Protein backbone atom coordinates (compact mmCIF):
# COMPACT_ATOMS: atom_id res chain seq x y z
CA MET A 1 5.15 24.68 -16.85
CA CYS A 2 2.51 27.31 -17.46
CA PHE A 3 0.59 26.83 -14.27
CA PHE A 4 1.14 29.91 -12.15
CA LEU A 5 0.85 33.20 -13.93
CA ILE A 6 -0.63 35.80 -11.62
CA ASN A 7 0.59 36.82 -8.19
CA GLU A 8 -1.84 36.84 -5.30
CA LYS A 9 -2.30 40.22 -3.59
CA GLU A 10 -2.91 40.08 0.11
CA GLY A 11 -5.59 42.11 1.82
CA ASP A 12 -8.07 42.48 -1.05
CA ILE A 13 -11.77 42.41 -0.17
CA LEU A 14 -12.47 39.60 -2.63
CA ASN A 15 -11.09 36.11 -2.10
CA THR A 16 -7.89 36.70 -4.04
CA GLN A 17 -7.00 33.03 -4.26
CA ASP A 18 -10.26 32.28 -6.12
CA VAL A 19 -9.71 35.29 -8.40
CA THR A 20 -6.14 34.21 -9.10
CA ARG A 21 -7.18 30.66 -9.90
CA SER A 22 -9.89 31.92 -12.26
CA VAL A 23 -7.42 34.13 -14.10
CA ILE A 24 -4.92 31.28 -14.40
CA ARG A 25 -7.58 28.94 -15.75
CA LEU A 26 -8.59 31.56 -18.31
CA GLU A 27 -4.98 31.99 -19.44
CA LEU A 28 -4.52 28.23 -19.67
CA ALA A 29 -7.68 27.83 -21.75
CA ARG A 30 -6.33 30.43 -24.16
CA ALA A 31 -2.94 28.72 -24.19
CA PHE A 32 -4.43 25.34 -25.01
CA ARG A 33 -6.26 26.83 -27.99
CA GLY A 34 -3.10 28.57 -29.20
CA MET A 35 -0.84 25.58 -28.63
CA GLU A 36 -2.33 23.56 -31.47
CA SER A 37 -1.75 26.25 -34.09
CA ASN A 38 1.33 28.12 -32.84
CA PRO A 39 3.06 26.37 -29.92
CA LYS A 40 6.27 28.40 -30.11
CA ARG A 41 4.59 31.80 -29.89
CA THR A 42 2.13 30.62 -27.23
CA LEU A 43 4.77 29.10 -24.96
CA ARG A 44 7.11 32.07 -25.22
CA LYS A 45 4.25 34.46 -24.45
CA LEU A 46 3.25 32.44 -21.36
CA ALA A 47 6.85 32.20 -20.16
CA ASP A 48 7.34 35.96 -20.53
CA LEU A 49 4.06 36.70 -18.74
CA GLY A 50 4.90 34.27 -15.97
CA LYS A 51 8.36 35.78 -15.41
CA VAL A 52 6.92 39.30 -15.22
CA CYS A 53 4.20 38.33 -12.73
CA ALA A 54 6.25 35.89 -10.67
CA ARG A 55 6.79 36.84 -7.03
CA GLY A 56 7.59 33.57 -5.27
CA SER A 57 11.08 32.06 -5.43
CA VAL A 58 9.90 28.83 -7.05
CA GLN A 59 8.01 30.78 -9.72
CA LYS A 60 11.00 32.97 -10.54
CA GLU A 61 13.37 30.01 -10.72
CA ILE A 62 11.14 27.89 -12.97
CA PHE A 63 10.08 30.67 -15.32
CA GLY A 64 13.69 31.83 -15.65
CA ILE A 65 14.74 28.32 -16.70
CA PHE A 66 11.71 28.02 -18.97
CA GLN A 67 12.50 31.30 -20.72
CA GLN A 68 16.10 30.23 -21.24
CA CYS A 69 15.05 26.89 -22.72
CA LEU A 70 12.61 28.49 -25.16
CA ARG A 71 15.26 30.75 -26.66
CA TYR A 72 16.27 27.88 -28.91
CA LYS A 73 14.01 27.81 -31.96
CA ASP A 74 14.34 24.03 -32.23
CA SER A 75 13.75 23.35 -28.54
CA PRO A 76 12.16 19.90 -28.10
CA TYR A 77 9.96 21.42 -25.40
CA PHE A 78 7.78 22.96 -28.13
CA SER A 79 6.83 19.53 -29.45
CA VAL A 80 6.57 18.17 -25.89
CA MET A 81 3.99 20.78 -24.92
CA GLN A 82 2.14 20.51 -28.21
CA ASN A 83 1.86 16.73 -27.80
CA LEU A 84 0.73 17.11 -24.19
CA VAL A 85 -2.09 19.44 -25.17
CA ARG A 86 -3.04 17.14 -28.03
CA ASN A 87 -2.92 13.89 -26.03
CA VAL A 88 -4.08 14.90 -22.53
CA SER A 89 -7.43 16.49 -21.71
CA ALA A 90 -7.46 20.18 -20.83
CA GLU A 91 -9.24 19.36 -17.57
CA ASN A 92 -6.57 16.85 -16.53
CA LEU A 93 -3.68 19.19 -17.40
CA THR A 94 -5.32 22.21 -15.78
CA THR A 95 -6.34 20.46 -12.56
CA PHE A 96 -3.02 18.70 -11.98
CA GLY A 97 -1.04 21.77 -13.05
CA MET A 98 -3.01 24.16 -10.83
CA ASN A 99 -2.71 21.89 -7.81
CA LEU A 100 1.04 21.49 -8.25
CA GLY A 101 1.96 24.91 -9.57
CA TYR A 102 -0.36 27.20 -7.62
CA ASN A 103 -1.69 25.31 -4.58
CA SER A 104 1.68 23.72 -3.79
CA TRP A 105 4.52 25.82 -5.26
CA THR A 106 2.85 29.22 -4.85
CA ASP A 107 0.24 29.42 -2.10
CA GLY A 108 1.61 26.35 -0.30
CA ALA A 109 5.19 27.65 -0.49
CA LYS A 110 4.06 30.91 1.09
CA LYS A 111 2.57 28.97 4.04
CA ILE A 112 5.73 26.89 4.39
CA ARG A 113 7.88 30.02 4.58
CA ALA A 114 5.49 31.59 7.09
CA LYS A 115 5.75 28.50 9.33
CA LYS A 116 9.51 28.75 9.18
CA ASP A 117 9.63 32.51 9.85
CA ASN A 118 6.95 32.63 12.56
CA GLU A 119 7.30 29.27 14.33
CA GLY A 120 10.70 27.94 13.29
CA ILE A 121 9.08 24.88 11.66
CA LEU A 122 10.71 23.50 8.52
CA THR A 123 8.40 21.54 6.23
CA SER A 124 8.99 19.86 2.88
CA TRP A 125 6.72 20.89 0.01
CA ILE A 126 5.86 17.20 -0.60
CA GLN A 127 4.92 14.29 1.63
CA ILE A 128 6.18 10.87 0.51
CA LEU A 129 4.30 7.77 1.65
CA ASP A 130 4.87 4.03 1.60
CA LEU A 131 1.39 2.48 1.79
CA SER A 132 2.51 -1.14 2.09
CA GLN A 133 1.27 -1.36 5.68
CA SER A 134 -2.30 -2.66 5.90
CA GLU A 135 -3.26 -0.05 8.50
CA TRP A 136 -3.82 2.59 5.82
CA THR A 137 -7.45 3.37 5.01
CA ALA A 138 -9.27 6.16 3.20
CA GLU A 139 -10.19 7.68 6.55
CA ASN A 140 -6.72 7.90 8.08
CA LEU A 141 -5.05 8.83 4.79
CA ASN A 142 -7.48 11.74 4.41
CA ALA A 143 -6.70 12.75 7.99
CA PHE A 144 -2.98 12.65 7.21
CA ILE A 145 -3.43 14.87 4.14
CA ASP A 146 -5.78 17.28 5.94
CA PHE A 147 -3.14 17.69 8.66
CA TRP A 148 -0.32 18.49 6.26
CA LYS A 149 -2.40 20.86 4.15
CA THR A 150 -2.52 23.19 7.17
CA TYR A 151 1.27 23.42 6.75
CA GLY A 152 0.97 24.28 3.05
CA VAL A 153 1.64 20.80 1.67
CA CYS A 154 -0.53 20.06 -1.37
CA THR A 155 1.62 17.47 -3.17
CA TYR A 156 1.83 13.79 -2.17
CA ALA A 157 3.78 10.88 -3.61
CA PHE A 158 3.01 7.20 -3.13
CA LEU A 159 6.01 4.91 -3.60
CA PRO A 160 5.80 1.66 -5.61
CA SER A 161 5.48 -0.60 -2.59
CA ALA A 162 1.87 -1.73 -2.75
CA SER A 163 -0.27 -2.48 -5.79
CA PHE A 164 -3.54 -0.80 -6.69
CA SER A 165 -5.42 -3.94 -5.62
CA GLU A 166 -4.10 -3.45 -2.07
CA ASN A 167 -5.13 0.22 -1.99
CA THR A 168 -8.45 0.34 -3.82
CA PHE A 169 -9.52 3.23 -1.57
CA LEU A 170 -7.10 5.63 -3.29
CA PRO A 171 -9.52 6.98 -5.96
CA GLU A 172 -11.85 7.98 -3.11
CA VAL A 173 -8.99 9.90 -1.49
CA PHE A 174 -7.96 11.51 -4.79
CA GLN A 175 -11.47 12.82 -5.36
CA LYS A 176 -11.91 14.13 -1.82
CA GLN A 177 -8.52 15.88 -1.87
CA ASN A 178 -9.24 17.59 -5.17
CA ASP A 179 -7.01 20.58 -4.37
CA CYS A 180 -3.90 18.36 -4.13
CA ALA A 181 -1.57 16.85 -6.74
CA PHE A 182 -0.61 13.18 -6.42
CA LEU A 183 2.38 11.37 -7.92
CA TRP A 184 1.44 7.70 -7.85
CA PHE A 185 4.33 5.30 -8.52
CA LEU A 186 2.81 1.90 -9.34
CA PRO A 187 4.73 -1.37 -8.87
CA ASP A 188 2.58 -3.21 -11.41
CA VAL A 189 0.27 -2.53 -14.34
CA ASP A 190 -2.26 -5.35 -14.16
CA SER A 191 -4.07 -4.29 -10.98
CA PHE A 192 -4.35 -0.74 -12.31
CA CYS A 193 -5.91 -2.02 -15.54
CA ILE A 194 -8.45 -4.07 -13.61
CA ASN A 195 -9.47 -1.03 -11.55
CA MET A 196 -9.28 1.51 -14.37
CA ASP A 197 -12.94 2.49 -14.05
CA ASP A 198 -12.33 3.78 -10.52
CA TYR A 199 -9.71 6.16 -11.86
CA LYS A 200 -11.27 7.48 -15.06
CA ASP A 201 -12.91 10.55 -13.45
CA VAL A 202 -9.85 11.53 -11.37
CA GLN A 203 -8.01 14.59 -12.71
CA ASN A 204 -5.43 15.44 -10.02
CA VAL A 205 -3.19 12.38 -10.26
CA MET A 206 -0.22 11.38 -12.40
CA PRO A 207 0.07 7.57 -12.32
CA ILE A 208 3.70 6.64 -12.98
CA PHE A 209 4.55 3.18 -14.28
CA LYS A 210 7.79 1.24 -14.33
CA MET A 211 9.21 1.55 -17.84
CA GLU A 212 9.74 -2.18 -18.36
CA ALA A 213 6.20 -3.01 -17.24
CA LEU A 214 4.66 -0.33 -19.43
CA MET A 215 6.48 -1.62 -22.50
CA GLU A 216 4.89 -5.03 -22.00
CA SER A 217 1.38 -3.64 -21.55
CA GLU A 218 -1.22 -1.76 -23.57
CA ILE A 219 -2.11 0.50 -20.64
CA HIS A 220 -0.34 3.53 -22.16
CA GLN A 221 -2.53 3.18 -25.24
CA ILE A 222 -5.64 3.00 -23.04
CA LEU A 223 -4.56 6.05 -21.04
CA SER A 224 -3.83 7.98 -24.22
CA ALA A 225 -7.23 7.05 -25.63
CA HIS A 226 -8.82 8.47 -22.46
CA LYS A 227 -6.52 11.56 -22.73
CA LYS A 228 -4.98 10.91 -19.31
CA LEU A 229 -1.75 12.27 -17.87
CA TYR A 230 0.83 9.63 -16.90
CA GLY A 231 4.57 9.09 -16.55
CA VAL A 232 7.22 6.38 -16.40
CA TYR A 233 9.96 5.65 -13.89
CA GLN A 234 13.15 3.67 -13.67
CA LEU A 235 14.53 2.25 -10.43
CA TYR A 236 18.27 2.69 -10.23
CA ASN A 237 21.29 1.92 -8.10
CA GLU A 238 25.02 2.43 -8.50
CA GLN A 239 25.30 -0.70 -10.64
CA ASN A 240 22.59 0.00 -13.24
CA ILE A 241 22.40 3.80 -13.47
CA ARG A 242 24.59 3.96 -16.59
CA GLU A 243 22.27 1.54 -18.33
CA CYS A 244 19.22 3.58 -17.23
CA ILE A 245 20.55 6.77 -18.81
CA SER A 246 21.96 5.09 -21.93
CA ARG A 247 20.70 6.21 -25.33
CA LYS A 248 19.27 2.75 -25.92
CA SER A 249 17.16 2.90 -22.76
CA LEU A 250 16.09 6.50 -23.26
CA GLY A 251 15.18 5.82 -26.88
CA LEU A 252 12.47 3.45 -25.71
CA LEU A 253 10.63 6.31 -24.00
CA SER A 254 9.47 7.78 -27.31
CA SER A 255 7.21 4.78 -27.90
CA LEU A 256 5.43 5.13 -24.54
CA GLY A 257 3.53 8.34 -25.25
CA THR A 258 4.65 10.45 -22.27
CA PRO A 259 7.40 13.06 -21.81
CA PHE A 260 7.71 12.50 -18.05
CA LEU A 261 10.61 10.29 -16.95
CA PHE A 262 11.35 9.83 -13.26
CA PHE A 263 14.50 8.25 -11.83
CA LEU A 264 13.86 6.59 -8.48
CA SER A 265 16.89 5.58 -6.40
CA GLU A 266 16.48 2.21 -4.71
CA ASP A 267 18.09 3.48 -1.49
CA ARG A 268 15.45 6.26 -1.28
CA LYS A 269 18.10 8.90 -0.64
CA SER A 270 18.75 12.30 -2.17
CA ASP A 271 22.16 12.78 -3.78
CA THR A 272 22.46 15.86 -5.98
CA SER A 273 25.89 14.69 -7.12
CA SER A 274 24.69 11.30 -8.40
CA ALA A 275 24.83 10.42 -12.10
CA ALA A 276 21.02 10.38 -12.30
CA SER A 277 20.70 13.77 -10.65
CA ARG A 278 23.33 15.36 -12.89
CA PHE A 279 21.76 13.76 -15.95
CA ALA A 280 18.29 15.10 -15.08
CA VAL A 281 19.57 18.65 -14.65
CA ASP A 282 21.74 18.53 -17.79
CA THR A 283 18.96 17.21 -20.02
CA ARG A 284 16.53 19.85 -18.77
CA MET A 285 18.97 22.65 -19.50
CA LYS A 286 20.63 21.34 -22.66
CA GLN A 287 17.37 19.95 -24.08
CA ALA A 288 19.03 16.91 -25.56
CA TYR A 289 15.84 14.83 -25.47
CA PRO A 290 12.13 15.53 -26.03
CA PHE A 291 11.15 14.64 -22.47
CA LEU A 292 11.37 16.00 -18.95
CA ALA A 293 13.75 14.01 -16.75
CA VAL A 294 13.32 14.16 -12.98
CA ASP A 295 15.58 12.58 -10.37
CA PHE A 296 12.82 12.25 -7.80
CA TYR A 297 14.63 12.58 -4.47
CA SER A 298 17.34 15.07 -5.44
CA ASP A 299 14.86 17.32 -7.26
CA ILE A 300 12.68 17.36 -4.14
CA THR A 301 15.76 18.57 -2.27
CA ARG A 302 16.39 21.30 -4.84
CA ILE A 303 12.83 22.61 -4.63
CA ASN A 304 12.89 22.54 -0.82
CA GLU A 305 16.02 24.68 -0.91
CA ILE A 306 14.38 27.16 -3.29
CA ILE A 307 11.28 27.45 -1.08
CA SER A 308 12.74 27.57 2.40
CA GLY A 309 16.51 27.87 1.95
CA ASP A 310 16.98 24.43 3.50
CA PRO A 311 17.33 21.18 1.49
CA LEU A 312 15.76 19.10 4.33
CA PRO A 313 16.35 15.34 4.64
CA ILE A 314 14.11 12.98 2.71
CA HIS A 315 11.38 11.64 4.99
CA ILE A 316 9.10 8.74 4.06
CA THR A 317 5.97 8.02 6.12
CA GLU A 318 5.13 4.35 6.45
CA ARG A 319 2.74 4.29 9.40
CA MET A 320 -0.09 6.53 10.49
CA ASN A 321 1.46 7.00 13.95
CA ARG A 322 4.28 8.91 12.25
CA LEU A 323 1.75 11.66 11.45
CA ILE A 324 3.64 14.53 13.06
CA SER A 325 7.10 12.99 13.27
CA SER A 326 8.55 15.54 10.84
CA VAL A 327 7.19 18.60 12.63
């Protein structure tokens, strides 16, 4: 979480966003070099610098939590970050991190608040899409993203409803929208493996695979060999959530080479009081496991509330004609 270190100053003659991004990239390059030799000192230094420079509400919240977590000398986050830097390319980490941390949670959040204050428009920081309808193409998906970027939205999530083979235009979209971060929940592994070459040069995407499918495949070894960022997810409902957060299930994550675990509720609703939501928050704060747990829908709600003061209902776009339905 070392993605947004310097605050943008408005009104400067130079393009302050470009200057800020350059400074952040410089700090990240230094951090990556220091992480291999002294991860504890490097992470604490970045967290302290981030907290001092933070101006936005999301920045302050995240860096405050990060500082608190790093007070523990045996925090598993030290090994998590060290392994990330060792196993994922600097370009992949920097690009995805900048797009999420700066373009979305910093500059994008500022635009979202301005829309609320000046026009009374409430917008979520992330757009969630179900691409199972055949009407989606590279052209209209790019148009959708271009529209929402004017509202400050630079993060997009694709739900596990259609396989890679049905959406082979996605790498083209990822490359065109290179200032955005994409969370790509895949329903299967095989079609992704077949089309791996189309994805190898993409740096702004985190493909997220179903845990059971990843365990039966060698794709995580291939991704690690290419130094790619990726995550795993578990679908849950009221009947299986206890099994999903059991020590047996969570212990399997260590063999999959990623610290990012997403819980995805089958009903596609946000419930901050659910067992998955409480578990995600508790593990992040208590640092009981060497991974970062995210309850996808409820954590979206939490970040919306930090940015705009309103949790906002979860909205999922399935058809292109719903382009402005949330505005």
